[in-house]
Every structure is written in C-alpha cells, then in structure tokens.
C-alpha cells in the first residue's frame, strides 16, 4: 500500500506538470473534410499541438498517402495536448446548407477541446461563430502545423466512416470513392437510387432522383 506522503508527492508532480502548460498562449488549428462529396457527414477537427513533443511530417492531408495519414492520425492523438473531432450530419447539411453545416462542425470541434485555446486558426477564408479569437488562413493546412494535424484527423475520420458505411451499402462503392461524384458513384446512383446518407440537395443526387 502506498503511503500518503508518496501520494501527495505524486499529486504535486501532476500539478506542476499541468502548470507547465501556459494556457495564455494555447493555439488550436481547425480544418474540415467532406464538403464536396455527395454523401455522408462533413467532419471537422481541432488540434492543440505540444511544442515539446513535435510530430514530424505534418502536411496537408490531401498530399499524404492513406498509409501515412493513418500513422500520423495515431501519432497526433498520442502527442497533441488535446484534439477533438466533430461532425455535422446529412440532415444538418440538408437543413443549413453545406457551408453552414461545415461551420457548425468546426464550432463543435473547438468546443470539444479539453483545453480552451486563446487563438483558433482555421483553414480557408471563412470562420465559424466562436467565443474565442479566431483567424482564417488561406491554405493553412500547408502553412500551419496544427491545421495540418486537424486536416489529417478530419480526413482519416471521414474515410473510416466511408469504409464502415460501405459494409452496409456495398453497391455504391463508398470504400473506393469516399462519396465523391465519380463516374462509378453516379452510375450506382442511377442504378440503385439514393441511400439514407446521400445529400439529396446536391445537384448530381437531385438530378438522378428527378
């Protein structure tokens, strides 16, 4: 049985470790995945990196291989001070439109962070409504490591959603095209109609249904 003296020392150590995080300078990077596809949720992620525990190879998720993204996904989850992944559903996309649903997913991701940042840097030229100071960075996923990390989390999370949904609706080929409007996907839409996760307000889906 551990002594109370040892326990108090451990608690003091934990408290000291926590105090080493200067919350006045915490910055979160935010990015999304899934605005363009014809099906599925739009996903956003927010990441606060640890400067004392750097991650090599962070980059815009679109230029990384799927294998590299998967490895970085696990490393980001392990090494970041905190991170959060959130979605806006197909129903919310239909109700709000894709831009506003994306902003909603981003806000949810930021609000889901365990630590509250003082600054939020968002990829692109639009900002969600936040109670925290935020700046939009065009091509931020290739300029700001925290945004790169967020883009990787969002992309991998959504790709995994597509793989899981493909098991339920294999006739559409989600595992291959990830919901984008490829010739194969459009042919499947014409042959089978829309599934529950298709965005029926998106023109290619609307045209097939009509």
N, C-alpha and C. Protein backbone atom coordinates (compact mmCIF):
# COMPACT_ATOMS: atom_id res chain seq x y z
N UNK A 1 0.85 -1.21 0.00
CA UNK A 1 0.00 0.00 0.00
C UNK A 1 0.88 1.25 0.00
N UNK A 2 0.57 2.23 -0.86
CA UNK A 2 1.39 3.43 -0.99
C UNK A 2 1.11 4.37 0.18
N UNK A 3 2.15 5.06 0.64
CA UNK A 3 1.99 5.99 1.76
C UNK A 3 1.32 7.26 1.30
N UNK A 4 0.70 7.97 2.25
CA UNK A 4 0.05 9.24 1.92
C UNK A 4 1.09 10.26 1.49
N UNK A 5 2.30 10.14 2.04
CA UNK A 5 3.37 11.06 1.67
C UNK A 5 3.72 10.91 0.21
N UNK A 6 3.83 9.65 -0.28
CA UNK A 6 4.12 9.40 -1.68
C UNK A 6 3.00 9.90 -2.56
N UNK A 7 1.75 9.68 -2.11
CA UNK A 7 0.59 10.12 -2.88
C UNK A 7 0.58 11.63 -3.05
N UNK A 8 0.90 12.37 -1.95
CA UNK A 8 0.94 13.83 -2.04
C UNK A 8 2.03 14.30 -2.96
N UNK A 9 3.14 13.60 -2.96
CA UNK A 9 4.25 13.96 -3.86
C UNK A 9 3.84 13.76 -5.31
N UNK A 10 3.12 12.65 -5.57
CA UNK A 10 2.65 12.40 -6.93
C UNK A 10 1.68 13.48 -7.37
N UNK A 11 0.78 13.89 -6.47
CA UNK A 11 -0.19 14.94 -6.81
C UNK A 11 0.51 16.25 -7.11
N UNK A 12 1.56 16.55 -6.32
CA UNK A 12 2.31 17.78 -6.56
C UNK A 12 2.99 17.74 -7.91
N UNK A 13 3.48 16.53 -8.28
CA UNK A 13 4.14 16.38 -9.57
C UNK A 13 3.16 16.60 -10.71
N UNK A 14 1.95 16.04 -10.58
CA UNK A 14 0.92 16.22 -11.61
C UNK A 14 0.55 17.69 -11.72
N UNK A 15 0.41 18.37 -10.59
CA UNK A 15 0.05 19.78 -10.60
C UNK A 15 1.13 20.60 -11.28
N UNK A 16 2.40 20.28 -11.01
CA UNK A 16 3.49 21.02 -11.62
C UNK A 16 3.51 20.81 -13.12
N UNK A 17 3.24 19.56 -13.55
CA UNK A 17 3.19 19.27 -14.98
C UNK A 17 2.10 20.08 -15.65
N UNK A 18 0.95 20.18 -15.00
CA UNK A 18 -0.16 20.94 -15.56
C UNK A 18 0.19 22.42 -15.68
N UNK A 19 0.88 22.94 -14.68
CA UNK A 19 1.23 24.36 -14.70
C UNK A 19 2.22 24.69 -15.80
N UNK A 20 2.93 23.68 -16.32
CA UNK A 20 3.88 23.94 -17.40
C UNK A 20 3.17 24.32 -18.70
N UNK A 21 1.88 24.03 -18.81
CA UNK A 21 1.12 24.43 -19.99
C UNK A 21 0.67 25.86 -19.80
N UNK A 22 1.20 26.75 -20.59
CA UNK A 22 0.82 28.16 -20.49
C UNK A 22 -0.45 28.37 -21.29
N UNK A 23 -1.58 28.33 -20.61
CA UNK A 23 -2.88 28.40 -21.30
C UNK A 23 -3.08 29.75 -21.99
N UNK A 24 -2.28 30.74 -21.64
CA UNK A 24 -2.45 32.06 -22.26
C UNK A 24 -1.95 32.08 -23.70
N UNK A 25 -1.20 31.05 -24.11
CA UNK A 25 -0.66 31.06 -25.48
C UNK A 25 -1.12 29.83 -26.29
N UNK A 26 -2.06 29.07 -25.77
CA UNK A 26 -2.51 27.88 -26.49
C UNK A 26 -3.21 28.27 -27.79
N UNK A 27 -2.81 27.59 -28.88
CA UNK A 27 -3.39 27.86 -30.19
C UNK A 27 -3.92 26.56 -30.77
N UNK A 28 -5.11 26.61 -31.32
CA UNK A 28 -5.72 25.45 -31.93
C UNK A 28 -5.80 25.64 -33.44
N UNK A 29 -5.50 24.58 -34.18
CA UNK A 29 -5.70 24.57 -35.62
C UNK A 29 -6.98 23.82 -35.95
N UNK A 30 -7.71 24.29 -36.94
CA UNK A 30 -9.01 23.69 -37.29
C UNK A 30 -9.09 23.49 -38.80
N UNK A 31 -9.60 22.34 -39.20
CA UNK A 31 -9.84 22.07 -40.62
C UNK A 31 -10.99 21.08 -40.75
N UNK A 32 -11.46 20.91 -41.98
CA UNK A 32 -12.60 20.05 -42.24
C UNK A 32 -12.30 19.06 -43.36
N UNK A 33 -13.17 18.07 -43.47
CA UNK A 33 -13.12 17.13 -44.58
C UNK A 33 -14.55 16.75 -44.94
N UNK A 34 -14.81 16.67 -46.24
CA UNK A 34 -16.12 16.18 -46.65
C UNK A 34 -17.11 17.21 -47.13
N UNK A 35 -16.63 18.38 -47.57
CA UNK A 35 -17.58 19.37 -48.10
C UNK A 35 -18.06 18.98 -49.49
N UNK A 36 -17.20 18.38 -50.29
CA UNK A 36 -17.52 18.11 -51.68
C UNK A 36 -18.27 16.83 -51.98
N UNK A 37 -18.15 15.78 -51.19
CA UNK A 37 -18.82 14.51 -51.51
C UNK A 37 -20.33 14.62 -51.59
N UNK A 38 -20.93 13.61 -52.19
CA UNK A 38 -22.37 13.57 -52.37
C UNK A 38 -23.09 12.86 -51.23
N UNK A 39 -22.34 12.35 -50.27
CA UNK A 39 -22.95 11.57 -49.19
C UNK A 39 -22.13 11.70 -47.91
N UNK A 40 -22.80 11.45 -46.81
CA UNK A 40 -22.12 11.39 -45.52
C UNK A 40 -21.98 12.73 -44.84
N UNK A 41 -21.54 12.70 -43.58
CA UNK A 41 -21.39 13.93 -42.80
C UNK A 41 -20.19 14.73 -43.25
N UNK A 42 -20.18 16.01 -42.89
CA UNK A 42 -18.97 16.80 -43.01
C UNK A 42 -18.29 16.75 -41.65
N UNK A 43 -16.97 16.59 -41.65
CA UNK A 43 -16.21 16.35 -40.42
C UNK A 43 -15.23 17.50 -40.20
N UNK A 44 -15.09 17.92 -38.97
CA UNK A 44 -14.10 18.95 -38.61
C UNK A 44 -13.27 18.45 -37.44
N UNK A 45 -12.04 18.93 -37.36
CA UNK A 45 -11.17 18.59 -36.24
C UNK A 45 -10.48 19.84 -35.74
N UNK A 46 -10.18 19.84 -34.45
CA UNK A 46 -9.42 20.91 -33.82
C UNK A 46 -8.27 20.28 -33.04
N UNK A 47 -7.08 20.85 -33.17
CA UNK A 47 -5.89 20.26 -32.54
C UNK A 47 -5.05 21.35 -31.87
N UNK A 48 -4.64 21.09 -30.64
CA UNK A 48 -3.63 21.91 -29.97
C UNK A 48 -2.38 21.05 -29.84
N UNK A 49 -1.34 21.41 -30.57
CA UNK A 49 -0.11 20.63 -30.55
C UNK A 49 0.73 20.96 -29.32
N UNK A 50 1.62 20.04 -28.98
CA UNK A 50 2.56 20.22 -27.87
C UNK A 50 3.92 20.57 -28.46
N UNK A 51 4.39 21.80 -28.25
CA UNK A 51 5.68 22.23 -28.80
C UNK A 51 6.84 21.39 -28.27
N UNK A 52 6.66 20.80 -27.10
CA UNK A 52 7.72 19.99 -26.51
C UNK A 52 7.69 18.54 -26.99
N UNK A 53 6.70 18.21 -27.79
CA UNK A 53 6.54 16.84 -28.30
C UNK A 53 6.18 16.91 -29.78
N UNK A 54 7.12 17.36 -30.62
CA UNK A 54 6.81 17.63 -32.03
C UNK A 54 6.49 16.37 -32.83
N UNK A 55 5.76 16.58 -33.90
CA UNK A 55 5.37 15.49 -34.80
C UNK A 55 5.96 15.78 -36.18
N UNK A 56 6.76 14.89 -36.69
CA UNK A 56 7.40 15.08 -37.99
C UNK A 56 6.46 14.68 -39.11
N UNK A 57 6.55 15.40 -40.23
CA UNK A 57 5.83 15.02 -41.42
C UNK A 57 4.42 15.56 -41.54
N UNK A 58 4.03 16.49 -40.67
CA UNK A 58 2.69 17.07 -40.80
C UNK A 58 2.58 17.86 -42.10
N UNK A 59 1.49 17.68 -42.80
CA UNK A 59 1.27 18.36 -44.08
C UNK A 59 -0.21 18.30 -44.41
N UNK A 60 -0.60 19.02 -45.44
CA UNK A 60 -1.97 18.96 -45.93
C UNK A 60 -2.33 17.50 -46.18
N UNK A 61 -3.42 17.05 -45.61
CA UNK A 61 -3.79 15.63 -45.71
C UNK A 61 -3.95 15.16 -47.15
N UNK A 62 -4.29 16.08 -48.05
CA UNK A 62 -4.55 15.69 -49.43
C UNK A 62 -3.29 15.25 -50.17
N UNK A 63 -2.11 15.66 -49.69
CA UNK A 63 -0.88 15.27 -50.39
C UNK A 63 -0.21 14.06 -49.75
N UNK A 64 -0.80 13.54 -48.68
CA UNK A 64 -0.24 12.39 -47.99
C UNK A 64 -0.92 11.11 -48.48
N UNK A 65 -0.20 9.99 -48.44
CA UNK A 65 -0.81 8.71 -48.76
C UNK A 65 -1.74 8.30 -47.62
N UNK A 66 -2.65 7.39 -47.91
CA UNK A 66 -3.57 6.94 -46.88
C UNK A 66 -2.83 6.24 -45.74
N UNK A 67 -1.77 5.51 -46.08
CA UNK A 67 -0.98 4.82 -45.05
C UNK A 67 -0.31 5.84 -44.14
N UNK A 68 0.27 6.89 -44.74
CA UNK A 68 0.93 7.93 -43.93
C UNK A 68 -0.08 8.68 -43.07
N UNK A 69 -1.26 8.96 -43.61
CA UNK A 69 -2.30 9.65 -42.83
C UNK A 69 -2.70 8.82 -41.61
N UNK A 70 -2.86 7.52 -41.81
CA UNK A 70 -3.25 6.65 -40.70
C UNK A 70 -2.21 6.67 -39.59
N UNK A 71 -0.93 6.62 -39.96
CA UNK A 71 0.13 6.64 -38.96
C UNK A 71 0.16 7.98 -38.22
N UNK A 72 0.01 9.06 -38.97
CA UNK A 72 0.01 10.38 -38.34
C UNK A 72 -1.23 10.58 -37.47
N UNK A 73 -2.35 10.01 -37.87
CA UNK A 73 -3.57 10.09 -37.07
C UNK A 73 -3.31 9.59 -35.65
N UNK A 74 -2.70 8.41 -35.56
CA UNK A 74 -2.41 7.84 -34.24
C UNK A 74 -1.38 8.66 -33.48
N UNK A 75 -0.39 9.19 -34.20
CA UNK A 75 0.65 9.98 -33.54
C UNK A 75 0.09 11.30 -33.02
N UNK A 76 -0.77 11.92 -33.80
CA UNK A 76 -1.40 13.18 -33.36
C UNK A 76 -2.24 12.94 -32.12
N UNK A 77 -3.04 11.89 -32.14
CA UNK A 77 -3.89 11.58 -30.98
C UNK A 77 -3.04 11.30 -29.74
N UNK A 78 -1.86 10.76 -29.95
CA UNK A 78 -0.98 10.41 -28.83
C UNK A 78 -0.19 11.60 -28.30
N UNK A 79 0.28 12.48 -29.20
CA UNK A 79 1.22 13.52 -28.80
C UNK A 79 0.62 14.91 -28.61
N UNK A 80 -0.50 15.18 -29.21
CA UNK A 80 -1.09 16.52 -29.08
C UNK A 80 -1.53 16.78 -27.64
N UNK A 81 -1.51 18.05 -27.23
CA UNK A 81 -2.02 18.39 -25.91
C UNK A 81 -3.48 18.00 -25.79
N UNK A 82 -4.24 18.28 -26.85
CA UNK A 82 -5.61 17.80 -26.91
C UNK A 82 -6.12 17.95 -28.34
N UNK A 83 -7.14 17.18 -28.67
CA UNK A 83 -7.73 17.26 -30.00
C UNK A 83 -9.19 16.85 -29.91
N UNK A 84 -9.95 17.24 -30.91
CA UNK A 84 -11.39 16.99 -30.92
C UNK A 84 -11.85 16.81 -32.36
N UNK A 85 -12.71 15.84 -32.59
CA UNK A 85 -13.29 15.59 -33.90
C UNK A 85 -14.81 15.68 -33.78
N UNK A 86 -15.43 16.39 -34.71
CA UNK A 86 -16.88 16.57 -34.66
C UNK A 86 -17.48 16.46 -36.06
N UNK A 87 -18.77 16.25 -36.11
CA UNK A 87 -19.47 16.11 -37.38
C UNK A 87 -20.69 17.03 -37.45
N UNK A 88 -21.11 17.29 -38.69
CA UNK A 88 -22.47 17.78 -38.94
C UNK A 88 -23.10 16.75 -39.87
N UNK A 89 -24.28 16.31 -39.52
CA UNK A 89 -24.92 15.19 -40.20
C UNK A 89 -25.47 15.59 -41.56
N UNK A 90 -25.86 14.58 -42.33
CA UNK A 90 -26.50 14.82 -43.62
C UNK A 90 -27.77 15.64 -43.43
N UNK A 91 -28.53 15.33 -42.38
CA UNK A 91 -29.76 16.08 -42.10
C UNK A 91 -29.45 17.56 -41.85
N UNK A 92 -28.37 17.83 -41.14
CA UNK A 92 -27.98 19.22 -40.88
C UNK A 92 -27.47 19.89 -42.14
N UNK A 93 -26.78 19.15 -42.98
CA UNK A 93 -26.33 19.70 -44.26
C UNK A 93 -27.53 20.09 -45.11
N UNK A 94 -28.55 19.22 -45.13
CA UNK A 94 -29.75 19.49 -45.92
C UNK A 94 -30.50 20.71 -45.37
N UNK A 95 -30.53 20.84 -44.07
CA UNK A 95 -31.29 21.92 -43.44
C UNK A 95 -30.56 23.27 -43.53
N UNK A 96 -29.25 23.26 -43.32
CA UNK A 96 -28.50 24.51 -43.20
C UNK A 96 -27.81 24.94 -44.48
N UNK A 97 -27.39 24.05 -45.31
CA UNK A 97 -26.52 24.11 -46.48
C UNK A 97 -25.11 23.69 -46.06
N UNK A 98 -24.29 23.31 -47.01
CA UNK A 98 -23.00 22.70 -46.68
C UNK A 98 -22.05 23.67 -46.00
N UNK A 99 -22.08 24.94 -46.38
CA UNK A 99 -21.18 25.90 -45.73
C UNK A 99 -21.52 26.05 -44.25
N UNK A 100 -22.78 26.29 -43.95
CA UNK A 100 -23.17 26.48 -42.56
C UNK A 100 -23.00 25.21 -41.74
N UNK A 101 -23.22 24.06 -42.35
CA UNK A 101 -23.00 22.79 -41.65
C UNK A 101 -21.52 22.59 -41.35
N UNK A 102 -20.66 23.03 -42.26
CA UNK A 102 -19.22 22.95 -42.03
C UNK A 102 -18.82 23.85 -40.86
N UNK A 103 -19.36 25.06 -40.83
CA UNK A 103 -19.08 25.97 -39.72
C UNK A 103 -19.56 25.38 -38.40
N UNK A 104 -20.70 24.69 -38.43
CA UNK A 104 -21.23 24.05 -37.23
C UNK A 104 -20.30 22.95 -36.74
N UNK A 105 -19.82 22.12 -37.66
CA UNK A 105 -18.89 21.05 -37.28
C UNK A 105 -17.60 21.63 -36.70
N UNK A 106 -17.11 22.72 -37.29
CA UNK A 106 -15.90 23.36 -36.76
C UNK A 106 -16.12 23.90 -35.35
N UNK A 107 -17.26 24.54 -35.13
CA UNK A 107 -17.55 25.07 -33.80
C UNK A 107 -17.64 23.94 -32.78
N UNK A 108 -18.27 22.85 -33.16
CA UNK A 108 -18.36 21.70 -32.26
C UNK A 108 -16.97 21.14 -31.93
N UNK A 109 -16.10 21.12 -32.94
CA UNK A 109 -14.75 20.59 -32.72
C UNK A 109 -14.00 21.47 -31.72
N UNK A 110 -14.08 22.77 -31.89
CA UNK A 110 -13.38 23.70 -30.97
C UNK A 110 -13.96 23.58 -29.57
N UNK A 111 -15.27 23.52 -29.48
CA UNK A 111 -15.92 23.44 -28.16
C UNK A 111 -15.65 22.10 -27.48
N UNK A 112 -15.26 21.10 -28.25
CA UNK A 112 -14.97 19.79 -27.69
C UNK A 112 -13.55 19.65 -27.14
N UNK A 113 -12.71 20.67 -27.32
CA UNK A 113 -11.34 20.60 -26.81
C UNK A 113 -11.33 20.60 -25.28
N UNK A 114 -10.50 19.77 -24.71
CA UNK A 114 -10.39 19.68 -23.26
C UNK A 114 -9.75 20.94 -22.69
N UNK A 115 -8.80 21.52 -23.42
CA UNK A 115 -8.17 22.79 -23.04
C UNK A 115 -8.75 23.89 -23.91
N UNK A 116 -8.96 25.06 -23.35
CA UNK A 116 -9.52 26.17 -24.10
C UNK A 116 -8.41 27.02 -24.69
N UNK A 117 -8.29 27.09 -26.01
CA UNK A 117 -7.23 27.89 -26.62
C UNK A 117 -7.54 29.39 -26.54
N UNK A 118 -6.49 30.19 -26.67
CA UNK A 118 -6.65 31.64 -26.73
C UNK A 118 -6.79 32.13 -28.16
N UNK A 119 -6.36 31.28 -29.10
CA UNK A 119 -6.43 31.64 -30.52
C UNK A 119 -6.78 30.39 -31.32
N UNK A 120 -7.66 30.56 -32.30
CA UNK A 120 -8.04 29.48 -33.20
C UNK A 120 -7.69 29.89 -34.63
N UNK A 121 -6.92 29.07 -35.31
CA UNK A 121 -6.56 29.31 -36.71
C UNK A 121 -7.31 28.30 -37.57
N UNK A 122 -8.10 28.81 -38.52
CA UNK A 122 -8.98 27.96 -39.32
C UNK A 122 -8.53 27.98 -40.77
N UNK A 123 -8.48 26.82 -41.37
CA UNK A 123 -8.12 26.74 -42.79
C UNK A 123 -9.22 27.36 -43.65
N UNK A 124 -8.81 28.16 -44.64
CA UNK A 124 -9.79 28.73 -45.57
C UNK A 124 -9.99 30.22 -45.37
N UNK A 125 -11.13 30.71 -45.82
CA UNK A 125 -11.41 32.15 -45.72
C UNK A 125 -12.72 32.45 -44.99
N UNK A 126 -13.25 31.45 -44.28
CA UNK A 126 -14.48 31.64 -43.51
C UNK A 126 -14.23 31.19 -42.08
N UNK A 127 -14.94 31.81 -41.14
CA UNK A 127 -14.79 31.47 -39.74
C UNK A 127 -16.12 31.05 -39.13
N UNK A 128 -16.12 30.01 -38.30
CA UNK A 128 -17.32 29.68 -37.54
C UNK A 128 -17.53 30.71 -36.44
N UNK A 129 -18.73 30.76 -35.90
CA UNK A 129 -19.01 31.66 -34.78
C UNK A 129 -18.42 31.04 -33.52
N UNK A 130 -17.46 31.75 -32.91
CA UNK A 130 -16.77 31.25 -31.73
C UNK A 130 -16.70 32.34 -30.66
N UNK A 131 -16.54 31.93 -29.42
CA UNK A 131 -16.35 32.88 -28.33
C UNK A 131 -14.87 33.16 -28.11
N UNK A 132 -14.03 32.61 -28.98
CA UNK A 132 -12.57 32.72 -28.87
C UNK A 132 -12.07 33.48 -30.09
N UNK A 133 -11.00 34.25 -29.92
CA UNK A 133 -10.39 34.93 -31.06
C UNK A 133 -9.99 33.92 -32.12
N UNK A 134 -10.34 34.22 -33.38
CA UNK A 134 -10.07 33.28 -34.47
C UNK A 134 -9.61 34.03 -35.71
N UNK A 135 -8.79 33.36 -36.51
CA UNK A 135 -8.32 33.92 -37.77
C UNK A 135 -8.42 32.85 -38.86
N UNK A 136 -8.80 33.27 -40.05
CA UNK A 136 -8.85 32.37 -41.20
C UNK A 136 -7.52 32.44 -41.95
N UNK A 137 -6.98 31.29 -42.31
CA UNK A 137 -5.70 31.21 -43.01
C UNK A 137 -5.91 30.46 -44.32
N UNK A 138 -5.84 31.16 -45.45
CA UNK A 138 -5.98 30.51 -46.74
C UNK A 138 -4.80 29.55 -46.95
N UNK A 139 -5.12 28.32 -47.34
CA UNK A 139 -4.13 27.25 -47.49
C UNK A 139 -3.38 26.99 -46.18
N UNK A 140 -4.10 27.19 -45.08
CA UNK A 140 -3.50 27.00 -43.77
C UNK A 140 -3.06 25.57 -43.52
N UNK A 141 -3.69 24.60 -44.21
CA UNK A 141 -3.31 23.20 -43.99
C UNK A 141 -1.91 22.88 -44.50
N UNK A 142 -1.34 23.78 -45.30
CA UNK A 142 0.04 23.60 -45.76
C UNK A 142 1.00 24.59 -45.11
N UNK A 143 0.47 25.47 -44.25
CA UNK A 143 1.29 26.51 -43.63
C UNK A 143 1.42 26.38 -42.12
N UNK A 144 0.38 25.90 -41.48
CA UNK A 144 0.32 25.86 -40.01
C UNK A 144 0.24 24.41 -39.55
N UNK A 145 1.24 23.92 -38.82
CA UNK A 145 1.24 22.51 -38.41
C UNK A 145 -0.02 22.06 -37.69
N UNK A 146 -0.58 22.90 -36.83
CA UNK A 146 -1.78 22.50 -36.09
C UNK A 146 -2.97 22.33 -37.04
N UNK A 147 -3.03 23.15 -38.08
CA UNK A 147 -4.11 22.99 -39.07
C UNK A 147 -3.85 21.73 -39.90
N UNK A 148 -2.58 21.48 -40.25
CA UNK A 148 -2.25 20.24 -40.96
C UNK A 148 -2.70 19.03 -40.15
N UNK A 149 -2.43 19.06 -38.85
CA UNK A 149 -2.83 17.96 -37.98
C UNK A 149 -4.35 17.80 -37.97
N UNK A 150 -5.06 18.92 -37.92
CA UNK A 150 -6.53 18.87 -37.93
C UNK A 150 -7.05 18.30 -39.25
N UNK A 151 -6.40 18.67 -40.35
CA UNK A 151 -6.84 18.16 -41.65
C UNK A 151 -6.67 16.65 -41.72
N UNK A 152 -5.61 16.13 -41.11
CA UNK A 152 -5.36 14.69 -41.11
C UNK A 152 -6.40 13.97 -40.27
N UNK A 153 -6.69 14.49 -39.08
CA UNK A 153 -7.70 13.86 -38.23
C UNK A 153 -9.06 13.83 -38.91
N UNK A 154 -9.44 14.95 -39.51
CA UNK A 154 -10.76 15.03 -40.15
C UNK A 154 -10.84 14.09 -41.35
N UNK A 155 -9.79 14.06 -42.15
CA UNK A 155 -9.78 13.21 -43.34
C UNK A 155 -9.83 11.72 -42.98
N UNK A 156 -9.00 11.31 -42.05
CA UNK A 156 -8.97 9.89 -41.66
C UNK A 156 -10.30 9.48 -41.02
N UNK A 157 -10.84 10.34 -40.17
CA UNK A 157 -12.12 10.03 -39.53
C UNK A 157 -13.21 9.84 -40.58
N UNK A 158 -13.26 10.72 -41.56
CA UNK A 158 -14.31 10.60 -42.58
C UNK A 158 -14.08 9.40 -43.48
N UNK A 159 -12.84 9.13 -43.84
CA UNK A 159 -12.55 7.96 -44.65
C UNK A 159 -12.96 6.68 -43.93
N UNK A 160 -12.74 6.64 -42.62
CA UNK A 160 -13.15 5.47 -41.85
C UNK A 160 -14.67 5.35 -41.83
N UNK A 161 -15.35 6.49 -41.77
CA UNK A 161 -16.82 6.47 -41.85
C UNK A 161 -17.25 5.84 -43.18
N UNK A 162 -16.60 6.23 -44.26
CA UNK A 162 -16.95 5.70 -45.58
C UNK A 162 -16.71 4.19 -45.65
N UNK A 163 -15.62 3.73 -45.08
CA UNK A 163 -15.32 2.29 -45.08
C UNK A 163 -16.39 1.52 -44.30
N UNK A 164 -16.81 2.08 -43.18
CA UNK A 164 -17.84 1.42 -42.37
C UNK A 164 -19.18 1.41 -43.10
N UNK A 165 -19.52 2.54 -43.75
CA UNK A 165 -20.81 2.63 -44.43
C UNK A 165 -20.83 1.74 -45.67
N UNK A 166 -19.66 1.52 -46.26
CA UNK A 166 -19.57 0.65 -47.43
C UNK A 166 -20.01 -0.77 -47.10
N UNK A 167 -19.79 -1.18 -45.87
CA UNK A 167 -20.21 -2.53 -45.45
C UNK A 167 -21.73 -2.65 -45.44
N UNK A 168 -22.40 -1.53 -45.17
CA UNK A 168 -23.87 -1.55 -45.12
C UNK A 168 -24.49 -1.36 -46.50
N UNK A 169 -23.84 -0.54 -47.34
CA UNK A 169 -24.33 -0.29 -48.69
C UNK A 169 -23.21 -0.49 -49.71
N UNK A 170 -22.78 -1.73 -49.91
CA UNK A 170 -21.63 -2.00 -50.79
C UNK A 170 -21.88 -1.66 -52.26
N UNK A 171 -23.14 -1.55 -52.66
CA UNK A 171 -23.44 -1.31 -54.07
C UNK A 171 -23.00 0.08 -54.55
N UNK A 172 -22.72 0.99 -53.62
CA UNK A 172 -22.34 2.35 -54.03
C UNK A 172 -20.83 2.56 -54.15
N UNK A 173 -20.04 1.71 -53.54
CA UNK A 173 -18.59 1.83 -53.65
C UNK A 173 -17.96 2.91 -52.78
N UNK A 174 -18.55 3.20 -51.62
CA UNK A 174 -18.01 4.26 -50.75
C UNK A 174 -16.56 4.03 -50.34
N UNK A 175 -16.17 2.78 -50.18
CA UNK A 175 -14.79 2.49 -49.75
C UNK A 175 -13.78 2.97 -50.78
N UNK A 176 -14.20 3.03 -52.04
CA UNK A 176 -13.29 3.42 -53.11
C UNK A 176 -13.32 4.93 -53.37
N UNK A 177 -14.49 5.49 -53.59
CA UNK A 177 -14.57 6.91 -53.98
C UNK A 177 -14.83 7.87 -52.83
N UNK A 178 -15.09 7.34 -51.62
CA UNK A 178 -15.29 8.14 -50.40
C UNK A 178 -16.44 9.15 -50.52
N UNK A 179 -17.40 8.84 -51.39
CA UNK A 179 -18.57 9.68 -51.50
C UNK A 179 -18.51 10.74 -52.59
N UNK A 180 -17.35 10.91 -53.23
CA UNK A 180 -17.23 11.92 -54.27
C UNK A 180 -17.99 11.49 -55.54
N UNK A 181 -18.29 12.46 -56.38
CA UNK A 181 -19.13 12.21 -57.54
C UNK A 181 -18.38 11.62 -58.72
N UNK A 182 -17.76 10.49 -58.54
CA UNK A 182 -17.07 9.81 -59.62
C UNK A 182 -18.07 9.19 -60.58
N UNK A 183 -17.59 8.78 -61.75
CA UNK A 183 -18.46 8.13 -62.73
C UNK A 183 -19.06 6.86 -62.14
N UNK A 184 -18.26 6.13 -61.39
CA UNK A 184 -18.74 4.90 -60.75
C UNK A 184 -19.86 5.20 -59.76
N UNK A 185 -19.68 6.26 -58.97
CA UNK A 185 -20.68 6.62 -57.97
C UNK A 185 -21.98 7.07 -58.64
N UNK A 186 -21.87 7.89 -59.66
CA UNK A 186 -23.07 8.37 -60.36
C UNK A 186 -23.82 7.23 -61.02
N UNK A 187 -23.06 6.26 -61.57
CA UNK A 187 -23.70 5.09 -62.19
C UNK A 187 -24.45 4.28 -61.14
N UNK A 188 -23.86 4.16 -59.94
CA UNK A 188 -24.52 3.43 -58.86
C UNK A 188 -25.78 4.15 -58.41
N UNK A 189 -25.72 5.48 -58.37
CA UNK A 189 -26.90 6.27 -58.02
C UNK A 189 -28.04 6.03 -59.01
N UNK A 190 -27.71 6.01 -60.29
CA UNK A 190 -28.73 5.79 -61.31
C UNK A 190 -29.32 4.39 -61.22
N UNK A 191 -28.46 3.43 -60.86
CA UNK A 191 -28.91 2.04 -60.81
C UNK A 191 -29.71 1.74 -59.54
N UNK A 192 -29.33 2.34 -58.43
CA UNK A 192 -29.92 1.96 -57.14
C UNK A 192 -30.70 3.07 -56.44
N UNK A 193 -30.66 4.30 -56.99
CA UNK A 193 -31.28 5.41 -56.29
C UNK A 193 -30.41 5.85 -55.13
N UNK A 194 -30.93 6.74 -54.32
CA UNK A 194 -30.15 7.29 -53.20
C UNK A 194 -30.33 6.44 -51.95
N UNK A 195 -29.26 6.38 -51.15
CA UNK A 195 -29.33 5.71 -49.85
C UNK A 195 -29.59 6.77 -48.78
N UNK A 196 -29.84 6.40 -47.53
CA UNK A 196 -30.16 7.39 -46.49
C UNK A 196 -29.08 8.44 -46.26
N UNK A 197 -27.84 8.16 -46.62
CA UNK A 197 -26.76 9.10 -46.36
C UNK A 197 -26.40 9.97 -47.56
N UNK A 198 -27.16 9.88 -48.65
CA UNK A 198 -26.90 10.76 -49.78
C UNK A 198 -27.47 12.16 -49.50
N UNK A 199 -26.73 13.16 -49.92
CA UNK A 199 -27.14 14.56 -49.74
C UNK A 199 -28.08 14.93 -50.89
N UNK A 200 -29.33 14.87 -50.63
CA UNK A 200 -30.32 14.98 -51.70
C UNK A 200 -30.46 16.39 -52.26
N UNK A 201 -29.89 17.39 -51.59
CA UNK A 201 -29.91 18.75 -52.12
C UNK A 201 -28.71 19.03 -53.03
N UNK A 202 -27.78 18.10 -53.13
CA UNK A 202 -26.63 18.27 -54.02
C UNK A 202 -27.06 17.94 -55.45
N UNK A 203 -26.68 18.76 -56.40
CA UNK A 203 -27.22 18.68 -57.75
C UNK A 203 -27.12 17.29 -58.38
N UNK A 204 -25.96 16.62 -58.36
CA UNK A 204 -25.90 15.29 -59.00
C UNK A 204 -26.91 14.31 -58.42
N UNK A 205 -27.13 14.37 -57.12
CA UNK A 205 -28.10 13.47 -56.49
C UNK A 205 -29.52 13.90 -56.87
N UNK A 206 -29.77 15.20 -56.85
CA UNK A 206 -31.09 15.71 -57.23
C UNK A 206 -31.45 15.33 -58.65
N UNK A 207 -30.48 15.43 -59.56
CA UNK A 207 -30.73 15.12 -60.96
C UNK A 207 -31.05 13.65 -61.15
N UNK A 208 -30.34 12.78 -60.43
CA UNK A 208 -30.61 11.35 -60.54
C UNK A 208 -31.98 11.02 -59.99
N UNK A 209 -32.35 11.61 -58.87
CA UNK A 209 -33.63 11.33 -58.25
C UNK A 209 -34.80 11.85 -59.06
N UNK A 210 -34.57 12.93 -59.81
CA UNK A 210 -35.66 13.50 -60.61
C UNK A 210 -35.80 12.82 -61.96
